[in-house]
Amino acid sequence: MASIRKVAFACMTAAMVTMSVNAGAQTRNQDTFFTFSQAVELPKTTLPAGTYFFQLMDSPSNRHIVKVMSQDRKQLFATLMAIPYYSNDRPSDDPQIRFMETPAANGVAATNAIKIWFYPGNTVGHEFIWPRDKAIALARATGVSVLTTKTEEESSDLTRVDAAGVEAAVETEAAKESEVAAAQPQPEPQREQIGALATPPAEPAPAPERDVEPAPAPEPAPRRDLPETAGVLPLLALMGLGSMAGSRMLRRANR
């Protein structure tokens, strides 16, 4: 019975650890399911209506590579490059997608091109990079600027093109972080005078004086020896008188 309990406890602990690890991986990779009621456009692909799985590629060097897969994650539809998009809006508790709506024209049905994807609770989204020809067509059709490259080469520098074909520079992530850091309040610099103008440090205030009473004089210790007399002269005189009296008495007795 004890061994069965140990095995059950070990299995339960392993399950809890697995759930915790999976939850952390889901948050890190921003796993998200989207259901579209009509076809949507992405760079280099068009997704029919349905449910799809969006996930960040687990790359330590670039956290803005997006994989789009089927609902069961068995089919990969696209691997897309994106850049961080900083929003000043309050973050939503639900995943969000911002579209560039293309109106219907010349018998072609309207489509929705995905511009930015936001993970729940994040103010930094993922803005997709469109091929240059498609970006120019989208900008003309929607009237909004579209993120693309300066040339047809995917490795070329990024730019934004508007409906008139005018390009605008793209702010890099490092520049945006520097701008955010500069907006933070800076502490005032400490000023210090040098040389004769330096202010000497304040001397500590003297401690208040206390009235100290003198300690009482110690009492004299009691004497244990006898007081001395006037000296030995009186004793010698007494002995001399005694000897004279004794000699007279001896003389009288001899007579």
C-alpha atoms as a PDB file:
ATOM      1  CA  MET A   1       0.000   0.000   0.000  1.00  0.00           C
ATOM      2  CA  ALA A   2       2.836   2.406   0.872  1.00  0.00           C
ATOM      3  CA  SER A   3       4.557   1.749  -2.456  1.00  0.00           C
ATOM      4  CA  ILE A   4       1.295   2.441  -4.321  1.00  0.00           C
ATOM      5  CA  ARG A   5       0.930   5.762  -2.507  1.00  0.00           C
ATOM      6  CA  LYS A   6       4.514   6.723  -3.362  1.00  0.00           C
ATOM      7  CA  VAL A   7       3.977   5.923  -7.035  1.00  0.00           C
ATOM      8  CA  ALA A   8       0.715   7.883  -7.108  1.00  0.00           C
ATOM      9  CA  PHE A   9       2.351  10.859  -5.399  1.00  0.00           C
ATOM     10  CA  ALA A  10       5.289  10.770  -7.848  1.00  0.00           C
ATOM     11  CA  CYS A  11       2.910  10.666 -10.838  1.00  0.00           C
ATOM     12  CA  MET A  12       0.876  13.560  -9.449  1.00  0.00           C
ATOM     13  CA  THR A  13       4.047  15.609  -8.839  1.00  0.00           C
ATOM     14  CA  ALA A  14       5.307  14.904 -12.368  1.00  0.00           C
ATOM     15  CA  ALA A  15       1.945  15.976 -13.803  1.00  0.00           C
ATOM     16  CA  MET A  16       2.008  19.225 -11.832  1.00  0.00           C
ATOM     17  CA  VAL A  17       5.567  19.998 -12.997  1.00  0.00           C
ATOM     18  CA  THR A  18       4.600  19.262 -16.614  1.00  0.00           C
ATOM     19  CA  MET A  19       1.593  21.581 -16.367  1.00  0.00           C
ATOM     20  CA  SER A  20       3.766  24.336 -14.914  1.00  0.00           C
ATOM     21  CA  VAL A  21       6.399  23.961 -17.634  1.00  0.00           C
ATOM     22  CA  ASN A  22       3.752  23.933 -20.371  1.00  0.00           C
ATOM     23  CA  ALA A  23       2.111  27.063 -18.944  1.00  0.00           C
ATOM     24  CA  GLY A  24       5.453  28.874 -18.902  1.00  0.00           C
ATOM     25  CA  ALA A  25       6.205  27.834 -22.485  1.00  0.00           C
ATOM     26  CA  GLN A  26       2.768  28.989 -23.631  1.00  0.00           C
ATOM     27  CA  THR A  27       3.313  32.412 -22.100  1.00  0.00           C
ATOM     28  CA  ARG A  28       6.837  32.741 -23.482  1.00  0.00           C
ATOM     29  CA  ASN A  29       5.847  31.703 -27.006  1.00  0.00           C
ATOM     30  CA  GLN A  30       2.512  33.573 -26.799  1.00  0.00           C
ATOM     31  CA  ASP A  31       0.447  30.615 -28.005  1.00  0.00           C
ATOM     32  CA  THR A  32      -2.839  31.966 -29.410  1.00  0.00           C
ATOM     33  CA  PHE A  33      -5.803  30.535 -31.330  1.00  0.00           C
ATOM     34  CA  PHE A  34      -7.693  32.779 -33.767  1.00  0.00           C
ATOM     35  CA  THR A  35     -10.942  31.926 -35.530  1.00  0.00           C
ATOM     36  CA  PHE A  36     -11.701  33.885 -38.720  1.00  0.00           C
ATOM     37  CA  SER A  37     -15.178  33.971 -40.235  1.00  0.00           C
ATOM     38  CA  GLN A  38     -13.775  34.891 -43.661  1.00  0.00           C
ATOM     39  CA  ALA A  39     -10.500  34.717 -45.519  1.00  0.00           C
ATOM     40  CA  VAL A  40      -7.625  36.825 -44.193  1.00  0.00           C
ATOM     41  CA  GLU A  41      -4.353  37.818 -45.793  1.00  0.00           C
ATOM     42  CA  LEU A  42      -0.877  37.419 -44.377  1.00  0.00           C
ATOM     43  CA  PRO A  43       2.444  38.126 -46.086  1.00  0.00           C
ATOM     44  CA  LYS A  44       2.911  35.491 -48.822  1.00  0.00           C
ATOM     45  CA  THR A  45      -0.282  33.564 -47.943  1.00  0.00           C
ATOM     46  CA  THR A  46      -4.057  33.793 -47.592  1.00  0.00           C
ATOM     47  CA  LEU A  47      -5.879  31.844 -44.878  1.00  0.00           C
ATOM     48  CA  PRO A  48      -9.415  30.584 -45.564  1.00  0.00           C
ATOM     49  CA  ALA A  49     -12.044  30.986 -42.861  1.00  0.00           C
ATOM     50  CA  GLY A  50     -11.261  28.738 -39.910  1.00  0.00           C
ATOM     51  CA  THR A  51      -9.282  28.412 -36.674  1.00  0.00           C
ATOM     52  CA  TYR A  52      -5.515  28.842 -36.655  1.00  0.00           C
ATOM     53  CA  PHE A  53      -2.701  28.648 -34.128  1.00  0.00           C
ATOM     54  CA  PHE A  54      -0.255  31.569 -33.829  1.00  0.00           C
ATOM     55  CA  GLN A  55       3.036  31.092 -31.986  1.00  0.00           C
ATOM     56  CA  LEU A  56       6.381  32.853 -31.646  1.00  0.00           C
ATOM     57  CA  MET A  57       9.366  30.834 -32.770  1.00  0.00           C
ATOM     58  CA  ASP A  58      11.549  29.970 -29.800  1.00  0.00           C
ATOM     59  CA  SER A  59      14.566  31.926 -31.032  1.00  0.00           C
ATOM     60  CA  PRO A  60      16.888  33.640 -28.509  1.00  0.00           C
ATOM     61  CA  SER A  61      18.073  36.154 -31.118  1.00  0.00           C
ATOM     62  CA  ASN A  62      14.700  37.269 -32.521  1.00  0.00           C
ATOM     63  CA  ARG A  63      11.459  37.132 -30.570  1.00  0.00           C
ATOM     64  CA  HIS A  64       9.346  38.426 -33.472  1.00  0.00           C
ATOM     65  CA  ILE A  65       9.283  35.427 -35.820  1.00  0.00           C
ATOM     66  CA  VAL A  66       5.687  34.177 -36.030  1.00  0.00           C
ATOM     67  CA  LYS A  67       4.562  30.705 -37.031  1.00  0.00           C
ATOM     68  CA  VAL A  68       0.989  30.196 -38.278  1.00  0.00           C
ATOM     69  CA  MET A  69      -0.300  26.616 -38.083  1.00  0.00           C
ATOM     70  CA  SER A  70      -3.511  24.669 -38.292  1.00  0.00           C
ATOM     71  CA  GLN A  71      -5.662  24.226 -35.218  1.00  0.00           C
ATOM     72  CA  ASP A  72      -4.162  20.800 -34.508  1.00  0.00           C
ATOM     73  CA  ARG A  73      -0.636  22.250 -35.102  1.00  0.00           C
ATOM     74  CA  LYS A  74       0.140  19.584 -37.686  1.00  0.00           C
ATOM     75  CA  GLN A  75       0.283  21.880 -40.720  1.00  0.00           C
ATOM     76  CA  LEU A  76       2.508  24.944 -41.001  1.00  0.00           C
ATOM     77  CA  PHE A  77       1.027  27.635 -43.238  1.00  0.00           C
ATOM     78  CA  ALA A  78       3.629  30.418 -42.858  1.00  0.00           C
ATOM     79  CA  THR A  79       6.696  31.563 -40.961  1.00  0.00           C
ATOM     80  CA  LEU A  80       6.570  35.351 -40.909  1.00  0.00           C
ATOM     81  CA  MET A  81       8.985  38.103 -39.941  1.00  0.00           C
ATOM     82  CA  ALA A  82       7.730  40.935 -37.767  1.00  0.00           C
ATOM     83  CA  ILE A  83       9.003  43.829 -35.666  1.00  0.00           C
ATOM     84  CA  PRO A  84       7.794  45.071 -32.261  1.00  0.00           C
ATOM     85  CA  TYR A  85       4.902  47.526 -32.384  1.00  0.00           C
ATOM     86  CA  TYR A  86       4.518  49.746 -29.294  1.00  0.00           C
ATOM     87  CA  SER A  87       0.975  50.762 -28.434  1.00  0.00           C
ATOM     88  CA  ASN A  88      -0.104  53.477 -25.990  1.00  0.00           C
ATOM     89  CA  ASP A  89      -3.542  51.901 -25.578  1.00  0.00           C
ATOM     90  CA  ARG A  90      -4.519  49.995 -22.473  1.00  0.00           C
ATOM     91  CA  PRO A  91      -3.643  46.303 -22.978  1.00  0.00           C
ATOM     92  CA  SER A  92      -6.558  43.978 -23.588  1.00  0.00           C
ATOM     93  CA  ASP A  93      -7.236  40.782 -21.688  1.00  0.00           C
ATOM     94  CA  ASP A  94      -8.016  39.064 -25.006  1.00  0.00           C
ATOM     95  CA  PRO A  95      -5.768  38.481 -28.034  1.00  0.00           C
ATOM     96  CA  GLN A  96      -6.183  41.157 -30.678  1.00  0.00           C
ATOM     97  CA  ILE A  97      -5.510  41.534 -34.386  1.00  0.00           C
ATOM     98  CA  ARG A  98      -5.497  44.809 -36.277  1.00  0.00           C
ATOM     99  CA  PHE A  99      -6.498  44.581 -39.904  1.00  0.00           C
ATOM    100  CA  MET A 100      -5.971  46.626 -43.032  1.00  0.00           C
ATOM    101  CA  GLU A 101      -9.370  46.346 -44.693  1.00  0.00           C
ATOM    102  CA  THR A 102      -9.296  46.101 -48.458  1.00  0.00           C
ATOM    103  CA  PRO A 103     -12.617  47.133 -50.052  1.00  0.00           C
ATOM    104  CA  ALA A 104     -14.131  45.091 -52.846  1.00  0.00           C
ATOM    105  CA  ALA A 105     -13.386  46.407 -56.348  1.00  0.00           C
ATOM    106  CA  ASN A 106     -13.640  45.179 -59.952  1.00  0.00           C
ATOM    107  CA  GLY A 107     -15.414  42.013 -58.914  1.00  0.00           C
ATOM    108  CA  VAL A 108     -12.724  41.140 -56.357  1.00  0.00           C
ATOM    109  CA  ALA A 109     -14.122  40.408 -52.903  1.00  0.00           C
ATOM    110  CA  ALA A 110     -12.990  42.458 -49.944  1.00  0.00           C
ATOM    111  CA  THR A 111     -10.266  40.911 -47.823  1.00  0.00           C
ATOM    112  CA  ASN A 112      -8.719  41.685 -44.500  1.00  0.00           C
ATOM    113  CA  ALA A 113      -4.939  41.888 -44.352  1.00  0.00           C
ATOM    114  CA  ILE A 114      -3.455  41.331 -40.883  1.00  0.00           C
ATOM    115  CA  LYS A 115      -1.183  44.164 -39.836  1.00  0.00           C
ATOM    116  CA  ILE A 116      -0.455  43.594 -36.100  1.00  0.00           C
ATOM    117  CA  TRP A 117      -0.995  40.806 -33.594  1.00  0.00           C
ATOM    118  CA  PHE A 118      -1.199  41.451 -29.818  1.00  0.00           C
ATOM    119  CA  TYR A 119      -0.897  38.805 -27.118  1.00  0.00           C
ATOM    120  CA  PRO A 120      -3.286  39.283 -24.120  1.00  0.00           C
ATOM    121  CA  GLY A 121      -2.046  41.806 -21.566  1.00  0.00           C
ATOM    122  CA  ASN A 122       0.771  43.111 -23.794  1.00  0.00           C
ATOM    123  CA  THR A 123       1.242  46.623 -25.107  1.00  0.00           C
ATOM    124  CA  VAL A 124       3.945  45.439 -27.522  1.00  0.00           C
ATOM    125  CA  GLY A 125       2.595  43.658 -30.573  1.00  0.00           C
ATOM    126  CA  HIS A 126       4.085  42.040 -33.664  1.00  0.00           C
ATOM    127  CA  GLU A 127       3.815  44.056 -36.903  1.00  0.00           C
ATOM    128  CA  PHE A 128       4.239  41.907 -39.989  1.00  0.00           C
ATOM    129  CA  ILE A 129       6.688  42.797 -42.782  1.00  0.00           C
ATOM    130  CA  TRP A 130       5.011  42.638 -46.202  1.00  0.00           C
ATOM    131  CA  PRO A 131       6.711  42.059 -49.568  1.00  0.00           C
ATOM    132  CA  ARG A 132       7.322  45.367 -51.278  1.00  0.00           C
ATOM    133  CA  ASP A 133       4.936  44.939 -54.250  1.00  0.00           C
ATOM    134  CA  LYS A 134       2.116  43.734 -51.992  1.00  0.00           C
ATOM    135  CA  ALA A 135       2.792  46.492 -49.468  1.00  0.00           C
ATOM    136  CA  ILE A 136       2.458  49.190 -52.150  1.00  0.00           C
ATOM    137  CA  ALA A 137      -0.825  47.648 -53.348  1.00  0.00           C
ATOM    138  CA  LEU A 138      -2.194  47.451 -49.803  1.00  0.00           C
ATOM    139  CA  ALA A 139      -1.182  51.036 -49.047  1.00  0.00           C
ATOM    140  CA  ARG A 140      -3.032  52.273 -52.142  1.00  0.00           C
ATOM    141  CA  ALA A 141      -6.115  50.174 -51.392  1.00  0.00           C
ATOM    142  CA  THR A 142      -6.395  50.917 -47.688  1.00  0.00           C
ATOM    143  CA  GLY A 143      -4.880  54.403 -47.429  1.00  0.00           C
ATOM    144  CA  VAL A 144      -2.625  53.413 -44.521  1.00  0.00           C
ATOM    145  CA  SER A 145       1.139  53.005 -44.422  1.00  0.00           C
ATOM    146  CA  VAL A 146       2.431  49.448 -44.672  1.00  0.00           C
ATOM    147  CA  LEU A 147       5.658  48.008 -43.290  1.00  0.00           C
ATOM    148  CA  THR A 148       7.929  46.633 -45.998  1.00  0.00           C
ATOM    149  CA  THR A 149      11.515  46.576 -47.266  1.00  0.00           C
ATOM    150  CA  LYS A 150      13.309  49.193 -49.341  1.00  0.00           C
ATOM    151  CA  THR A 151      14.016  46.640 -52.070  1.00  0.00           C
ATOM    152  CA  GLU A 152      12.620  43.253 -53.047  1.00  0.00           C
ATOM    153  CA  GLU A 153      15.362  41.623 -50.985  1.00  0.00           C
ATOM    154  CA  GLU A 154      14.004  40.483 -47.631  1.00  0.00           C
ATOM    155  CA  SER A 155      17.321  41.308 -45.965  1.00  0.00           C
ATOM    156  CA  SER A 156      17.237  44.981 -46.996  1.00  0.00           C
ATOM    157  CA  ASP A 157      16.418  47.816 -44.623  1.00  0.00           C
ATOM    158  CA  LEU A 158      12.849  48.367 -43.494  1.00  0.00           C
ATOM    159  CA  THR A 159      10.618  51.257 -44.489  1.00  0.00           C
ATOM    160  CA  ARG A 160       6.962  52.272 -44.482  1.00  0.00           C
ATOM    161  CA  VAL A 161       5.206  53.129 -47.705  1.00  0.00           C
ATOM    162  CA  ASP A 162       1.975  55.150 -47.869  1.00  0.00           C
ATOM    163  CA  ALA A 163      -0.771  55.389 -50.474  1.00  0.00           C
ATOM    164  CA  ALA A 164       1.234  57.904 -52.518  1.00  0.00           C
ATOM    165  CA  GLY A 165       4.277  55.644 -52.562  1.00  0.00           C
ATOM    166  CA  VAL A 166       6.200  57.906 -50.188  1.00  0.00           C
ATOM    167  CA  GLU A 167       8.527  56.055 -47.859  1.00  0.00           C
ATOM    168  CA  ALA A 168       9.133  56.831 -44.212  1.00  0.00           C
ATOM    169  CA  ALA A 169      11.879  55.634 -41.914  1.00  0.00           C
ATOM    170  CA  VAL A 170      11.156  52.831 -39.477  1.00  0.00           C
ATOM    171  CA  GLU A 171      12.098  53.381 -35.868  1.00  0.00           C
ATOM    172  CA  THR A 172      14.244  50.522 -34.647  1.00  0.00           C
ATOM    173  CA  GLU A 173      13.644  48.682 -31.401  1.00  0.00           C
ATOM    174  CA  ALA A 174      16.856  50.073 -29.867  1.00  0.00           C
ATOM    175  CA  ALA A 175      15.815  53.638 -30.742  1.00  0.00           C
ATOM    176  CA  LYS A 176      12.370  53.068 -29.245  1.00  0.00           C
ATOM    177  CA  GLU A 177      13.859  51.699 -26.025  1.00  0.00           C
ATOM    178  CA  SER A 178      16.165  54.729 -25.837  1.00  0.00           C
ATOM    179  CA  GLU A 179      13.178  57.020 -26.294  1.00  0.00           C
ATOM    180  CA  VAL A 180      11.273  55.267 -23.526  1.00  0.00           C
ATOM    181  CA  ALA A 181      14.298  55.458 -21.235  1.00  0.00           C
ATOM    182  CA  ALA A 182      14.723  59.181 -21.994  1.00  0.00           C
ATOM    183  CA  ALA A 183      11.096  59.795 -21.064  1.00  0.00           C
ATOM    184  CA  GLN A 184      11.723  58.483 -17.570  1.00  0.00           C
ATOM    185  CA  PRO A 185      12.405  61.201 -14.942  1.00  0.00           C
ATOM    186  CA  GLN A 186      16.104  61.578 -14.320  1.00  0.00           C
ATOM    187  CA  PRO A 187      17.526  62.305 -10.831  1.00  0.00           C
ATOM    188  CA  GLU A 188      18.932  65.789 -10.301  1.00  0.00           C
ATOM    189  CA  PRO A 189      22.754  65.908 -10.523  1.00  0.00           C
ATOM    190  CA  GLN A 190      24.623  66.342  -7.273  1.00  0.00           C
ATOM    191  CA  ARG A 191      26.653  69.561  -7.167  1.00  0.00           C
ATOM    192  CA  GLU A 192      29.898  69.736  -5.248  1.00  0.00           C
ATOM    193  CA  GLN A 193      32.064  72.840  -4.732  1.00  0.00           C
ATOM    194  CA  ILE A 194      35.815  72.473  -5.038  1.00  0.00           C
ATOM    195  CA  GLY A 195      38.658  74.355  -3.383  1.00  0.00           C
ATOM    196  CA  ALA A 196      38.185  77.455  -1.220  1.00  0.00           C
ATOM    197  CA  LEU A 197      34.461  77.616  -2.019  1.00  0.00           C
ATOM    198  CA  ALA A 198      33.807  74.224  -0.560  1.00  0.00           C
ATOM    199  CA  THR A 199      31.560  74.353   2.460  1.00  0.00           C
ATOM    200  CA  PRO A 200      33.261  72.738   5.468  1.00  0.00           C
ATOM    201  CA  PRO A 201      31.283  69.997   7.067  1.00  0.00           C
ATOM    202  CA  ALA A 202      29.235  71.084  10.036  1.00  0.00           C
ATOM    203  CA  GLU A 203      30.811  70.259  13.371  1.00  0.00           C
ATOM    204  CA  PRO A 204      28.742  68.084  15.624  1.00  0.00           C
ATOM    205  CA  ALA A 205      26.982  69.922  18.430  1.00  0.00           C
ATOM    206  CA  PRO A 206      28.708  69.513  21.813  1.00  0.00           C
ATOM    207  CA  ALA A 207      27.055  67.187  24.230  1.00  0.00           C
ATOM    208  CA  PRO A 208      25.236  68.983  27.095  1.00  0.00           C
ATOM    209  CA  GLU A 209      27.287  69.217  30.258  1.00  0.00           C
ATOM    210  CA  ARG A 210      26.074  67.377  33.295  1.00  0.00           C
ATOM    211  CA  ASP A 211      26.551  68.516  36.921  1.00  0.00           C
ATOM    212  CA  VAL A 212      28.782  65.975  38.575  1.00  0.00           C
ATOM    213  CA  GLU A 213      28.643  65.763  42.372  1.00  0.00           C
ATOM    214  CA  PRO A 214      31.979  65.010  44.107  1.00  0.00           C
ATOM    215  CA  ALA A 215      32.208  61.550  45.524  1.00  0.00           C
ATOM    216  CA  PRO A 216      32.052  61.443  49.383  1.00  0.00           C
ATOM    217  CA  ALA A 217      35.399  61.041  51.159  1.00  0.00           C
ATOM    218  CA  PRO A 218      35.983  57.519  52.431  1.00  0.00           C
ATOM    219  CA  GLU A 219      35.616  57.001  56.196  1.00  0.00           C
ATOM    220  CA  PRO A 220      38.906  56.323  58.101  1.00  0.00           C
ATOM    221  CA  ALA A 221      39.507  52.695  58.851  1.00  0.00           C
ATOM    222  CA  PRO A 222      39.382  51.786  62.583  1.00  0.00           C
ATOM    223  CA  ARG A 223      42.818  51.472  64.240  1.00  0.00           C
ATOM    224  CA  ARG A 224      43.790  48.067  65.494  1.00  0.00           C
ATOM    225  CA  ASP A 225      47.197  48.934  67.184  1.00  0.00           C
ATOM    226  CA  LEU A 226      47.602  50.548  70.624  1.00  0.00           C
ATOM    227  CA  PRO A 227      48.427  54.230  70.803  1.00  0.00           C
ATOM    228  CA  GLU A 228      52.039  55.035  71.475  1.00  0.00           C
ATOM    229  CA  THR A 229      53.073  56.635  74.876  1.00  0.00           C
ATOM    230  CA  ALA A 230      55.333  59.576  75.473  1.00  0.00           C
ATOM    231  CA  GLY A 231      58.482  57.365  75.126  1.00  0.00           C
ATOM    232  CA  VAL A 232      60.870  55.137  77.193  1.00  0.00           C
ATOM    233  CA  LEU A 233      62.481  57.948  79.372  1.00  0.00           C
ATOM    234  CA  PRO A 234      59.950  57.783  82.202  1.00  0.00           C
ATOM    235  CA  LEU A 235      60.427  54.021  82.357  1.00  0.00           C
ATOM    236  CA  LEU A 236      64.217  54.408  82.688  1.00  0.00           C
ATOM    237  CA  ALA A 237      63.802  56.991  85.438  1.00  0.00           C
ATOM    238  CA  LEU A 238      61.487  54.692  87.355  1.00  0.00           C
ATOM    239  CA  MET A 239      63.969  51.834  87.044  1.00  0.00           C
ATOM    240  CA  GLY A 240      66.777  54.098  88.370  1.00  0.00           C
ATOM    241  CA  LEU A 241      64.750  55.089  91.439  1.00  0.00           C
ATOM    242  CA  GLY A 242      63.964  51.461  92.096  1.00  0.00           C
ATOM    243  CA  SER A 243      67.609  50.473  91.981  1.00  0.00           C
ATOM    244  CA  MET A 244      68.607  53.299  94.422  1.00  0.00           C
ATOM    245  CA  ALA A 245      65.920  52.255  96.895  1.00  0.00           C
ATOM    246  CA  GLY A 246      67.054  48.656  96.697  1.00  0.00           C
ATOM    247  CA  SER A 247      70.707  49.539  97.361  1.00  0.00           C
ATOM    248  CA  ARG A 248      69.780  51.542 100.536  1.00  0.00           C
ATOM    249  CA  MET A 249      67.797  48.691 101.882  1.00  0.00           C
ATOM    250  CA  LEU A 250      70.733  46.335 101.393  1.00  0.00           C
ATOM    251  CA  ARG A 251      73.049  48.738 103.233  1.00  0.00           C
ATOM    252  CA  ARG A 252      70.710  48.937 106.239  1.00  0.00           C
ATOM    253  CA  ALA A 253      70.472  45.210 106.425  1.00  0.00           C
ATOM    254  CA  ASN A 254      74.284  44.812 106.537  1.00  0.00           C
ATOM    255  CA  ARG A 255      74.631  47.129 109.490  1.00  0.00           C
END
